[in-house]
Amino acid sequence: QDVDDIFISGLKEEGLYDDVWQAGAMLLPVQSVGVMG
């Protein structure tokens, strides 16, 4: 929900929402290595 909200809100803020027919985010059953700090 948090990911989707950032994506959809971003499309609206950038004026891209109406140019897209459908948008959303998928949570994958995959974990990956990353570095934060």
ModelCIF file with pLDDT and N, C-alpha, C, O atoms, coordinates in Angstrom:
data_MODEL
#
_entry.id   MODEL 
#
_entity.id                         1 
_entity.type                       polymer 
_entity.pdbx_number_of_molecules   1 
#
_entity_poly.entity_id                      1 
_entity_poly.type                           'polypeptide(L)' 
_entity_poly.nstd_linkage                   no 
_entity_poly.nstd_monomer                   no 
_entity_poly.pdbx_seq_one_letter_code       QDVDDIFISGLKEEGLYDDVWQAGAMLLPVQSVGVMG 
_entity_poly.pdbx_seq_one_letter_code_can   QDVDDIFISGLKEEGLYDDVWQAGAMLLPVQSVGVMG 
_entity_poly.pdbx_strand_id                 A 
#
loop_
_entity_poly_seq.entity_id 
_entity_poly_seq.num 
_entity_poly_seq.mon_id 
_entity_poly_seq.hetero 
1 1  GLN n 
1 2  ASP n 
1 3  VAL n 
1 4  ASP n 
1 5  ASP n 
1 6  ILE n 
1 7  PHE n 
1 8  ILE n 
1 9  SER n 
1 10 GLY n 
1 11 LEU n 
1 12 LYS n 
1 13 GLU n 
1 14 GLU n 
1 15 GLY n 
1 16 LEU n 
1 17 TYR n 
1 18 ASP n 
1 19 ASP n 
1 20 VAL n 
1 21 TRP n 
1 22 GLN n 
1 23 ALA n 
1 24 GLY n 
1 25 ALA n 
1 26 MET n 
1 27 LEU n 
1 28 LEU n 
1 29 PRO n 
1 30 VAL n 
1 31 GLN n 
1 32 SER n 
1 33 VAL n 
1 34 GLY n 
1 35 VAL n 
1 36 MET n 
1 37 GLY n 
#
_struct_asym.id          A 
_struct_asym.entity_id   1 
#
loop_
_ma_qa_metric.id 
_ma_qa_metric.mode 
_ma_qa_metric.name 
_ma_qa_metric.software_group_id 
_ma_qa_metric.type 
1 global pLDDT . pLDDT 
2 local  pLDDT . pLDDT 
#
_ma_qa_metric_global.metric_id      1 
_ma_qa_metric_global.metric_value   92.41 
_ma_qa_metric_global.model_id       1 
_ma_qa_metric_global.ordinal_id     1 
#
loop_
_ma_qa_metric_local.label_asym_id 
_ma_qa_metric_local.label_comp_id 
_ma_qa_metric_local.label_seq_id 
_ma_qa_metric_local.metric_id 
_ma_qa_metric_local.metric_value 
_ma_qa_metric_local.model_id 
_ma_qa_metric_local.ordinal_id 
A GLN 1  2 98.00 1 1  
A ASP 2  2 98.00 1 2  
A VAL 3  2 98.00 1 3  
A ASP 4  2 98.00 1 4  
A ASP 5  2 98.00 1 5  
A ILE 6  2 98.00 1 6  
A PHE 7  2 98.00 1 7  
A ILE 8  2 97.00 1 8  
A SER 9  2 97.00 1 9  
A GLY 10 2 98.00 1 10 
A LEU 11 2 98.00 1 11 
A LYS 12 2 97.00 1 12 
A GLU 13 2 97.00 1 13 
A GLU 14 2 97.00 1 14 
A GLY 15 2 96.00 1 15 
A LEU 16 2 97.00 1 16 
A TYR 17 2 96.00 1 17 
A ASP 18 2 93.00 1 18 
A ASP 19 2 94.00 1 19 
A VAL 20 2 96.00 1 20 
A TRP 21 2 92.00 1 21 
A GLN 22 2 95.00 1 22 
A ALA 23 2 97.00 1 23 
A GLY 24 2 97.00 1 24 
A ALA 25 2 98.00 1 25 
A MET 26 2 98.00 1 26 
A LEU 27 2 97.00 1 27 
A LEU 28 2 96.00 1 28 
A PRO 29 2 93.00 1 29 
A VAL 30 2 90.00 1 30 
A GLN 31 2 84.00 1 31 
A SER 32 2 87.00 1 32 
A VAL 33 2 82.00 1 33 
A GLY 34 2 77.00 1 34 
A VAL 35 2 68.00 1 35 
A MET 36 2 66.00 1 36 
A GLY 37 2 63.00 1 37 
#
loop_
_atom_site.group_PDB 
_atom_site.id 
_atom_site.type_symbol 
_atom_site.label_atom_id 
_atom_site.label_alt_id 
_atom_site.label_comp_id 
_atom_site.label_asym_id 
_atom_site.label_entity_id 
_atom_site.label_seq_id 
_atom_site.pdbx_PDB_ins_code 
_atom_site.Cartn_x 
_atom_site.Cartn_y 
_atom_site.Cartn_z 
_atom_site.occupancy 
_atom_site.B_iso_or_equiv 
_atom_site.pdbx_formal_charge 
_atom_site.auth_seq_id 
_atom_site.auth_comp_id 
_atom_site.auth_asym_id 
_atom_site.auth_atom_id 
_atom_site.pdbx_PDB_model_num 
ATOM 1   N N  . GLN A 1 1  ? 0.837  -1.210  0.000   1.00 98.00 ? 1  GLN A N  1 
ATOM 2   C CA . GLN A 1 1  ? 0.000  0.000   0.000   1.00 98.00 ? 1  GLN A CA 1 
ATOM 3   C C  . GLN A 1 1  ? 0.870  1.258   0.000   1.00 98.00 ? 1  GLN A C  1 
ATOM 4   O O  . GLN A 1 1  ? 0.585  2.214   -0.722  1.00 98.00 ? 1  GLN A O  1 
ATOM 5   N N  . ASP A 1 2  ? 1.923  1.256   0.804   1.00 98.00 ? 2  ASP A N  1 
ATOM 6   C CA . ASP A 1 2  ? 2.808  2.423   0.875   1.00 98.00 ? 2  ASP A CA 1 
ATOM 7   C C  . ASP A 1 2  ? 3.546  2.634   -0.452  1.00 98.00 ? 2  ASP A C  1 
ATOM 8   O O  . ASP A 1 2  ? 3.679  3.762   -0.927  1.00 98.00 ? 2  ASP A O  1 
ATOM 9   N N  . VAL A 1 3  ? 4.022  1.531   -1.042  1.00 98.00 ? 3  VAL A N  1 
ATOM 10  C CA . VAL A 1 3  ? 4.713  1.628   -2.335  1.00 98.00 ? 3  VAL A CA 1 
ATOM 11  C C  . VAL A 1 3  ? 3.770  2.145   -3.405  1.00 98.00 ? 3  VAL A C  1 
ATOM 12  O O  . VAL A 1 3  ? 4.103  3.074   -4.142  1.00 98.00 ? 3  VAL A O  1 
ATOM 13  N N  . ASP A 1 4  ? 2.583  1.536   -3.488  1.00 98.00 ? 4  ASP A N  1 
ATOM 14  C CA . ASP A 1 4  ? 1.589  1.914   -4.492  1.00 98.00 ? 4  ASP A CA 1 
ATOM 15  C C  . ASP A 1 4  ? 1.182  3.377   -4.347  1.00 98.00 ? 4  ASP A C  1 
ATOM 16  O O  . ASP A 1 4  ? 1.011  4.084   -5.340  1.00 98.00 ? 4  ASP A O  1 
ATOM 17  N N  . ASP A 1 5  ? 1.028  3.821   -3.109  1.00 98.00 ? 5  ASP A N  1 
ATOM 18  C CA . ASP A 1 5  ? 0.617  5.205   -2.861  1.00 98.00 ? 5  ASP A CA 1 
ATOM 19  C C  . ASP A 1 5  ? 1.667  6.192   -3.371  1.00 98.00 ? 5  ASP A C  1 
ATOM 20  O O  . ASP A 1 5  ? 1.321  7.214   -3.963  1.00 98.00 ? 5  ASP A O  1 
ATOM 21  N N  . ILE A 1 6  ? 2.938  5.892   -3.146  1.00 98.00 ? 6  ILE A N  1 
ATOM 22  C CA . ILE A 1 6  ? 4.012  6.770   -3.638  1.00 98.00 ? 6  ILE A CA 1 
ATOM 23  C C  . ILE A 1 6  ? 4.009  6.801   -5.168  1.00 98.00 ? 6  ILE A C  1 
ATOM 24  O O  . ILE A 1 6  ? 4.165  7.866   -5.764  1.00 98.00 ? 6  ILE A O  1 
ATOM 25  N N  . PHE A 1 7  ? 3.832  5.637   -5.806  1.00 98.00 ? 7  PHE A N  1 
ATOM 26  C CA . PHE A 1 7  ? 3.838  5.550   -7.265  1.00 98.00 ? 7  PHE A CA 1 
ATOM 27  C C  . PHE A 1 7  ? 2.656  6.304   -7.875  1.00 98.00 ? 7  PHE A C  1 
ATOM 28  O O  . PHE A 1 7  ? 2.843  7.137   -8.762  1.00 98.00 ? 7  PHE A O  1 
ATOM 29  N N  . ILE A 1 8  ? 1.440  6.014   -7.405  1.00 97.00 ? 8  ILE A N  1 
ATOM 30  C CA . ILE A 1 8  ? 0.240  6.643   -7.971  1.00 97.00 ? 8  ILE A CA 1 
ATOM 31  C C  . ILE A 1 8  ? 0.225  8.147   -7.680  1.00 97.00 ? 8  ILE A C  1 
ATOM 32  O O  . ILE A 1 8  ? -0.123 8.943   -8.552  1.00 97.00 ? 8  ILE A O  1 
ATOM 33  N N  . SER A 1 9  ? 0.599  8.533   -6.464  1.00 97.00 ? 9  SER A N  1 
ATOM 34  C CA . SER A 1 9  ? 0.654  9.971   -6.133  1.00 97.00 ? 9  SER A CA 1 
ATOM 35  C C  . SER A 1 9  ? 1.673  10.680  -7.010  1.00 97.00 ? 9  SER A C  1 
ATOM 36  O O  . SER A 1 9  ? 1.442  11.803  -7.456  1.00 97.00 ? 9  SER A O  1 
ATOM 37  N N  . GLY A 1 10 ? 2.797  10.023  -7.256  1.00 98.00 ? 10 GLY A N  1 
ATOM 38  C CA . GLY A 1 10 ? 3.820  10.605  -8.121  1.00 98.00 ? 10 GLY A CA 1 
ATOM 39  C C  . GLY A 1 10 ? 3.323  10.817  -9.538  1.00 98.00 ? 10 GLY A C  1 
ATOM 40  O O  . GLY A 1 10 ? 3.602  11.851  -10.145 1.00 98.00 ? 10 GLY A O  1 
ATOM 41  N N  . LEU A 1 11 ? 2.583  9.839   -10.079 1.00 98.00 ? 11 LEU A N  1 
ATOM 42  C CA . LEU A 1 11 ? 2.017  9.991   -11.427 1.00 98.00 ? 11 LEU A CA 1 
ATOM 43  C C  . LEU A 1 11 ? 1.083  11.203  -11.490 1.00 98.00 ? 11 LEU A C  1 
ATOM 44  O O  . LEU A 1 11 ? 1.090  11.953  -12.467 1.00 98.00 ? 11 LEU A O  1 
ATOM 45  N N  . LYS A 1 12 ? 0.292  11.381  -10.451 1.00 97.00 ? 12 LYS A N  1 
ATOM 46  C CA . LYS A 1 12 ? -0.635 12.523  -10.420 1.00 97.00 ? 12 LYS A CA 1 
ATOM 47  C C  . LYS A 1 12 ? 0.122  13.840  -10.286 1.00 97.00 ? 12 LYS A C  1 
ATOM 48  O O  . LYS A 1 12 ? -0.190 14.806  -10.981 1.00 97.00 ? 12 LYS A O  1 
ATOM 49  N N  . GLU A 1 13 ? 1.100  13.884  -9.412  1.00 97.00 ? 13 GLU A N  1 
ATOM 50  C CA . GLU A 1 13 ? 1.862  15.123  -9.190  1.00 97.00 ? 13 GLU A CA 1 
ATOM 51  C C  . GLU A 1 13 ? 2.621  15.563  -10.434 1.00 97.00 ? 13 GLU A C  1 
ATOM 52  O O  . GLU A 1 13 ? 2.768  16.759  -10.685 1.00 97.00 ? 13 GLU A O  1 
ATOM 53  N N  . GLU A 1 14 ? 3.103  14.594  -11.215 1.00 97.00 ? 14 GLU A N  1 
ATOM 54  C CA . GLU A 1 14 ? 3.879  14.903  -12.421 1.00 97.00 ? 14 GLU A CA 1 
ATOM 55  C C  . GLU A 1 14 ? 3.009  15.060  -13.660 1.00 97.00 ? 14 GLU A C  1 
ATOM 56  O O  . GLU A 1 14 ? 3.528  15.258  -14.759 1.00 97.00 ? 14 GLU A O  1 
ATOM 57  N N  . GLY A 1 15 ? 1.677  14.973  -13.494 1.00 96.00 ? 15 GLY A N  1 
ATOM 58  C CA . GLY A 1 15 ? 0.766  15.117  -14.633 1.00 96.00 ? 15 GLY A CA 1 
ATOM 59  C C  . GLY A 1 15 ? 0.801  13.943  -15.591 1.00 96.00 ? 15 GLY A C  1 
ATOM 60  O O  . GLY A 1 15 ? 0.478  14.091  -16.770 1.00 96.00 ? 15 GLY A O  1 
ATOM 61  N N  . LEU A 1 16 ? 1.195  12.761  -15.087 1.00 97.00 ? 16 LEU A N  1 
ATOM 62  C CA . LEU A 1 16 ? 1.320  11.578  -15.938 1.00 97.00 ? 16 LEU A CA 1 
ATOM 63  C C  . LEU A 1 16 ? 0.153  10.610  -15.772 1.00 97.00 ? 16 LEU A C  1 
ATOM 64  O O  . LEU A 1 16 ? -0.010 9.697   -16.581 1.00 97.00 ? 16 LEU A O  1 
ATOM 65  N N  . TYR A 1 17 ? -0.657 10.795  -14.738 1.00 96.00 ? 17 TYR A N  1 
ATOM 66  C CA . TYR A 1 17 ? -1.695 9.815   -14.399 1.00 96.00 ? 17 TYR A CA 1 
ATOM 67  C C  . TYR A 1 17 ? -2.671 9.585   -15.545 1.00 96.00 ? 17 TYR A C  1 
ATOM 68  O O  . TYR A 1 17 ? -2.998 8.440   -15.858 1.00 96.00 ? 17 TYR A O  1 
ATOM 69  N N  . ASP A 1 18 ? -3.139 10.658  -16.175 1.00 93.00 ? 18 ASP A N  1 
ATOM 70  C CA . ASP A 1 18 ? -4.140 10.524  -17.238 1.00 93.00 ? 18 ASP A CA 1 
ATOM 71  C C  . ASP A 1 18 ? -3.552 10.006  -18.541 1.00 93.00 ? 18 ASP A C  1 
ATOM 72  O O  . ASP A 1 18 ? -4.293 9.657   -19.460 1.00 93.00 ? 18 ASP A O  1 
ATOM 73  N N  . ASP A 1 19 ? -2.227 9.952   -18.631 1.00 94.00 ? 19 ASP A N  1 
ATOM 74  C CA . ASP A 1 19 ? -1.580 9.383   -19.819 1.00 94.00 ? 19 ASP A CA 1 
ATOM 75  C C  . ASP A 1 19 ? -1.416 7.867   -19.692 1.00 94.00 ? 19 ASP A C  1 
ATOM 76  O O  . ASP A 1 19 ? -1.037 7.185   -20.644 1.00 94.00 ? 19 ASP A O  1 
ATOM 77  N N  . VAL A 1 20 ? -1.705 7.365   -18.510 1.00 96.00 ? 20 VAL A N  1 
ATOM 78  C CA . VAL A 1 20 ? -1.537 5.934   -18.216 1.00 96.00 ? 20 VAL A CA 1 
ATOM 79  C C  . VAL A 1 20 ? -2.913 5.301   -18.064 1.00 96.00 ? 20 VAL A C  1 
ATOM 80  O O  . VAL A 1 20 ? -3.784 5.863   -17.399 1.00 96.00 ? 20 VAL A O  1 
ATOM 81  N N  . TRP A 1 21 ? -3.116 4.140   -18.671 1.00 92.00 ? 21 TRP A N  1 
ATOM 82  C CA . TRP A 1 21 ? -4.419 3.471   -18.568 1.00 92.00 ? 21 TRP A CA 1 
ATOM 83  C C  . TRP A 1 21 ? -4.553 2.746   -17.228 1.00 92.00 ? 21 TRP A C  1 
ATOM 84  O O  . TRP A 1 21 ? -5.609 2.780   -16.596 1.00 92.00 ? 21 TRP A O  1 
ATOM 85  N N  . GLN A 1 22 ? -3.471 2.092   -16.805 1.00 95.00 ? 22 GLN A N  1 
ATOM 86  C CA . GLN A 1 22 ? -3.492 1.388   -15.530 1.00 95.00 ? 22 GLN A CA 1 
ATOM 87  C C  . GLN A 1 22 ? -2.078 1.323   -14.972 1.00 95.00 ? 22 GLN A C  1 
ATOM 88  O O  . GLN A 1 22 ? -1.115 1.098   -15.705 1.00 95.00 ? 22 GLN A O  1 
ATOM 89  N N  . ALA A 1 23 ? -1.972 1.523   -13.665 1.00 97.00 ? 23 ALA A N  1 
ATOM 90  C CA . ALA A 1 23 ? -0.663 1.473   -13.020 1.00 97.00 ? 23 ALA A CA 1 
ATOM 91  C C  . ALA A 1 23 ? -0.802 0.859   -11.638 1.00 97.00 ? 23 ALA A C  1 
ATOM 92  O O  . ALA A 1 23 ? -1.862 0.913   -11.014 1.00 97.00 ? 23 ALA A O  1 
ATOM 93  N N  . GLY A 1 24 ? 0.281  0.283   -11.183 1.00 97.00 ? 24 GLY A N  1 
ATOM 94  C CA . GLY A 1 24 ? 0.279  -0.304  -9.846  1.00 97.00 ? 24 GLY A CA 1 
ATOM 95  C C  . GLY A 1 24 ? 1.638  -0.888  -9.525  1.00 97.00 ? 24 GLY A C  1 
ATOM 96  O O  . GLY A 1 24 ? 2.568  -0.816  -10.328 1.00 97.00 ? 24 GLY A O  1 
ATOM 97  N N  . ALA A 1 25 ? 1.740  -1.462  -8.352  1.00 98.00 ? 25 ALA A N  1 
ATOM 98  C CA . ALA A 1 25 ? 2.998  -2.061  -7.904  1.00 98.00 ? 25 ALA A CA 1 
ATOM 99  C C  . ALA A 1 25 ? 2.765  -3.507  -7.505  1.00 98.00 ? 25 ALA A C  1 
ATOM 100 O O  . ALA A 1 25 ? 1.685  -3.867  -7.039  1.00 98.00 ? 25 ALA A O  1 
ATOM 101 N N  . MET A 1 26 ? 3.793  -4.336  -7.693  1.00 98.00 ? 26 MET A N  1 
ATOM 102 C CA . MET A 1 26 ? 3.741  -5.752  -7.319  1.00 98.00 ? 26 MET A CA 1 
ATOM 103 C C  . MET A 1 26 ? 4.818  -6.011  -6.264  1.00 98.00 ? 26 MET A C  1 
ATOM 104 O O  . MET A 1 26 ? 5.954  -5.556  -6.398  1.00 98.00 ? 26 MET A O  1 
ATOM 105 N N  . LEU A 1 27 ? 4.444  -6.750  -5.212  1.00 97.00 ? 27 LEU A N  1 
ATOM 106 C CA . LEU A 1 27 ? 5.413  -7.163  -4.202  1.00 97.00 ? 27 LEU A CA 1 
ATOM 107 C C  . LEU A 1 27 ? 5.872  -8.572  -4.560  1.00 97.00 ? 27 LEU A C  1 
ATOM 108 O O  . LEU A 1 27 ? 5.076  -9.510  -4.562  1.00 97.00 ? 27 LEU A O  1 
ATOM 109 N N  . LEU A 1 28 ? 7.164  -8.714  -4.865  1.00 96.00 ? 28 LEU A N  1 
ATOM 110 C CA . LEU A 1 28 ? 7.683  -9.987  -5.365  1.00 96.00 ? 28 LEU A CA 1 
ATOM 111 C C  . LEU A 1 28 ? 8.135  -10.891 -4.222  1.00 96.00 ? 28 LEU A C  1 
ATOM 112 O O  . LEU A 1 28 ? 8.567  -10.401 -3.179  1.00 96.00 ? 28 LEU A O  1 
ATOM 113 N N  . PRO A 1 29 ? 8.039  -12.199 -4.407  1.00 93.00 ? 29 PRO A N  1 
ATOM 114 C CA . PRO A 1 29 ? 8.504  -13.146 -3.386  1.00 93.00 ? 29 PRO A CA 1 
ATOM 115 C C  . PRO A 1 29 ? 10.014 -13.329 -3.474  1.00 93.00 ? 29 PRO A C  1 
ATOM 116 O O  . PRO A 1 29 ? 10.526 -14.449 -3.476  1.00 93.00 ? 29 PRO A O  1 
ATOM 117 N N  . VAL A 1 30 ? 10.711 -12.200 -3.546  1.00 90.00 ? 30 VAL A N  1 
ATOM 118 C CA . VAL A 1 30 ? 12.164 -12.180 -3.757  1.00 90.00 ? 30 VAL A CA 1 
ATOM 119 C C  . VAL A 1 30 ? 12.762 -11.177 -2.782  1.00 90.00 ? 30 VAL A C  1 
ATOM 120 O O  . VAL A 1 30 ? 12.216 -10.092 -2.580  1.00 90.00 ? 30 VAL A O  1 
ATOM 121 N N  . GLN A 1 31 ? 13.860 -11.536 -2.194  1.00 84.00 ? 31 GLN A N  1 
ATOM 122 C CA . GLN A 1 31 ? 14.591 -10.571 -1.371  1.00 84.00 ? 31 GLN A CA 1 
ATOM 123 C C  . GLN A 1 31 ? 15.976 -10.390 -1.965  1.00 84.00 ? 31 GLN A C  1 
ATOM 124 O O  . GLN A 1 31 ? 16.566 -11.323 -2.508  1.00 84.00 ? 31 GLN A O  1 
ATOM 125 N N  . SER A 1 32 ? 16.475 -9.186  -1.852  1.00 87.00 ? 32 SER A N  1 
ATOM 126 C CA . SER A 1 32 ? 17.786 -8.904  -2.443  1.00 87.00 ? 32 SER A CA 1 
ATOM 127 C C  . SER A 1 32 ? 18.672 -8.183  -1.433  1.00 87.00 ? 32 SER A C  1 
ATOM 128 O O  . SER A 1 32 ? 18.202 -7.562  -0.479  1.00 87.00 ? 32 SER A O  1 
ATOM 129 N N  . VAL A 1 33 ? 19.958 -8.291  -1.685  1.00 82.00 ? 33 VAL A N  1 
ATOM 130 C CA . VAL A 1 33 ? 20.941 -7.654  -0.810  1.00 82.00 ? 33 VAL A CA 1 
ATOM 131 C C  . VAL A 1 33 ? 21.029 -6.170  -1.142  1.00 82.00 ? 33 VAL A C  1 
ATOM 132 O O  . VAL A 1 33 ? 21.003 -5.780  -2.309  1.00 82.00 ? 33 VAL A O  1 
ATOM 133 N N  . GLY A 1 34 ? 21.133 -5.361  -0.118  1.00 77.00 ? 34 GLY A N  1 
ATOM 134 C CA . GLY A 1 34 ? 21.297 -3.934  -0.317  1.00 77.00 ? 34 GLY A CA 1 
ATOM 135 C C  . GLY A 1 34 ? 22.168 -3.347  0.785   1.00 77.00 ? 34 GLY A C  1 
ATOM 136 O O  . GLY A 1 34 ? 22.542 -4.037  1.734   1.00 77.00 ? 34 GLY A O  1 
ATOM 137 N N  . VAL A 1 35 ? 22.484 -2.068  0.646   1.00 68.00 ? 35 VAL A N  1 
ATOM 138 C CA . VAL A 1 35 ? 23.279 -1.376  1.656   1.00 68.00 ? 35 VAL A CA 1 
ATOM 139 C C  . VAL A 1 35 ? 22.582 -0.071  2.000   1.00 68.00 ? 35 VAL A C  1 
ATOM 140 O O  . VAL A 1 35 ? 22.297 0.733   1.113   1.00 68.00 ? 35 VAL A O  1 
ATOM 141 N N  . MET A 1 36 ? 22.306 0.144   3.272   1.00 66.00 ? 36 MET A N  1 
ATOM 142 C CA . MET A 1 36 ? 21.733 1.403   3.728   1.00 66.00 ? 36 MET A CA 1 
ATOM 143 C C  . MET A 1 36 ? 22.607 1.927   4.848   1.00 66.00 ? 36 MET A C  1 
ATOM 144 O O  . MET A 1 36 ? 22.696 1.328   5.921   1.00 66.00 ? 36 MET A O  1 
ATOM 145 N N  . GLY A 1 37 ? 23.253 3.059   4.582   1.00 63.00 ? 37 GLY A N  1 
ATOM 146 C CA . GLY A 1 37 ? 24.244 3.554   5.535   1.00 63.00 ? 37 GLY A CA 1 
ATOM 147 C C  . GLY A 1 37 ? 25.418 2.582   5.541   1.00 63.00 ? 37 GLY A C  1 
ATOM 148 O O  . GLY A 1 37 ? 26.387 2.788   6.272   1.00 63.00 ? 37 GLY A O  1 
#
